[in-house]
Every structure is written in structure tokens, then in C-alpha cells.
Amino acid sequence: MAPSIFFLHFIGVVIVLLGLTLKEKRKRLGISLAVLGFLIGTAPVWYGHFVGPSPSEMRQIQQMQIQEYMVPDK
């Protein structure tokens, strides 16, 4: 089961804050953690764009549903 949207946002914010609070010696690690946290926190938004159907596929699906609705029952 996939994690919930709120859980991903919360974990992303925690990782960003952790990354931004690291000391100067670990600046690269902190920036990397902040970027990773941002990507995790915004995953529900951008993941849908990669996985979801394209606009042309949505039109085809909608046309098929309309055609199924218009066919009379025997």
C-alpha cells in the first residue's frame, strides 16, 4: 500500500529541515537532504504527471465511454 499524501509531505518537510540545519562541514550533505526532502514532499504532485494518462489517452477513454453509453441494449 502506498504511503498517504500527508505522510509524504510531513516526511519531506522533516528531511528538508534536517538538511538545512546541518553544520557547515556537512553543507553538501545538507543540501542533498534538502533536495531529497523536497522531492519526497512534492512526490504526489509530480508522480501523477508521469504515471497518469496523457490528454490524448483521456480523450480516447472518454470517447469509448460515450460510445458504450450510446449503444442500445439488445
Protein backbone atom coordinates (compact mmCIF):
# COMPACT_ATOMS: atom_id res chain seq x y z
CA MET A 1 0.00 0.00 0.00
CA ALA A 2 1.34 3.42 -0.96
CA PRO A 3 2.02 5.99 1.76
CA SER A 4 -0.57 8.71 2.15
CA ILE A 5 -0.10 12.18 0.72
CA PHE A 6 0.05 13.78 4.16
CA PHE A 7 2.69 11.31 5.31
CA LEU A 8 4.88 12.08 2.29
CA HIS A 9 4.50 15.84 2.83
CA PHE A 10 5.37 15.52 6.53
CA ILE A 11 8.40 13.29 5.92
CA GLY A 12 9.56 15.64 3.15
CA VAL A 13 9.35 18.68 5.42
CA VAL A 14 11.24 16.86 8.20
CA ILE A 15 14.02 15.84 5.81
CA VAL A 16 14.28 19.39 4.41
CA LEU A 17 14.53 20.86 7.91
CA LEU A 18 17.12 18.25 8.89
CA GLY A 19 19.16 19.02 5.78
CA LEU A 20 19.01 22.78 6.36
CA THR A 21 20.15 22.52 9.99
CA LEU A 22 23.36 20.57 9.36
CA LYS A 23 26.66 22.24 10.24
CA GLU A 24 28.97 23.94 7.75
CA LYS A 25 31.22 20.87 7.49
CA ARG A 26 28.35 18.88 6.06
CA LYS A 27 26.99 21.53 3.72
CA ARG A 28 26.80 19.25 0.66
CA LEU A 29 25.02 16.55 2.64
CA GLY A 30 22.59 19.15 3.98
CA ILE A 31 21.78 20.49 0.53
CA SER A 32 21.36 16.95 -0.79
CA LEU A 33 19.00 16.10 2.06
CA ALA A 34 17.02 19.30 1.49
CA VAL A 35 16.60 18.49 -2.22
CA LEU A 36 15.66 14.88 -1.42
CA GLY A 37 13.11 16.06 1.15
CA PHE A 38 11.62 18.48 -1.35
CA LEU A 39 11.25 15.71 -3.94
CA ILE A 40 9.65 13.37 -1.40
CA GLY A 41 7.33 16.08 -0.10
CA THR A 42 6.13 17.03 -3.57
CA ALA A 43 6.02 13.45 -4.91
CA PRO A 44 2.21 13.21 -5.00
CA VAL A 45 2.15 16.16 -7.42
CA TRP A 46 4.84 15.20 -9.93
CA TYR A 47 4.33 11.43 -9.71
CA GLY A 48 0.80 11.79 -11.06
CA HIS A 49 2.10 13.53 -14.16
CA PHE A 50 4.43 10.64 -15.00
CA VAL A 51 2.02 7.81 -14.23
CA GLY A 52 -1.32 9.29 -15.27
CA PRO A 53 -2.76 9.04 -18.76
CA SER A 54 -1.88 11.71 -21.31
CA PRO A 55 -4.56 14.12 -22.57
CA SER A 56 -4.94 12.16 -25.82
CA GLU A 57 -5.43 8.93 -23.86
CA MET A 58 -8.04 10.65 -21.71
CA ARG A 59 -9.92 11.76 -24.85
CA GLN A 60 -9.85 8.20 -26.22
CA ILE A 61 -11.18 6.80 -22.95
CA GLN A 62 -13.91 9.42 -22.86
CA GLN A 63 -14.91 8.68 -26.47
CA MET A 64 -15.08 4.95 -25.71
CA GLN A 65 -17.30 5.62 -22.69
CA ILE A 66 -19.60 7.80 -24.79
CA GLN A 67 -19.82 5.11 -27.48
CA GLU A 68 -20.63 2.44 -24.90
CA TYR A 69 -23.35 4.66 -23.50
CA MET A 70 -24.86 5.29 -26.94
CA VAL A 71 -25.06 1.60 -27.95
CA PRO A 72 -28.59 0.32 -27.24
CA ASP A 73 -29.03 -2.85 -25.21
CA LYS A 74 -30.23 -5.94 -27.04
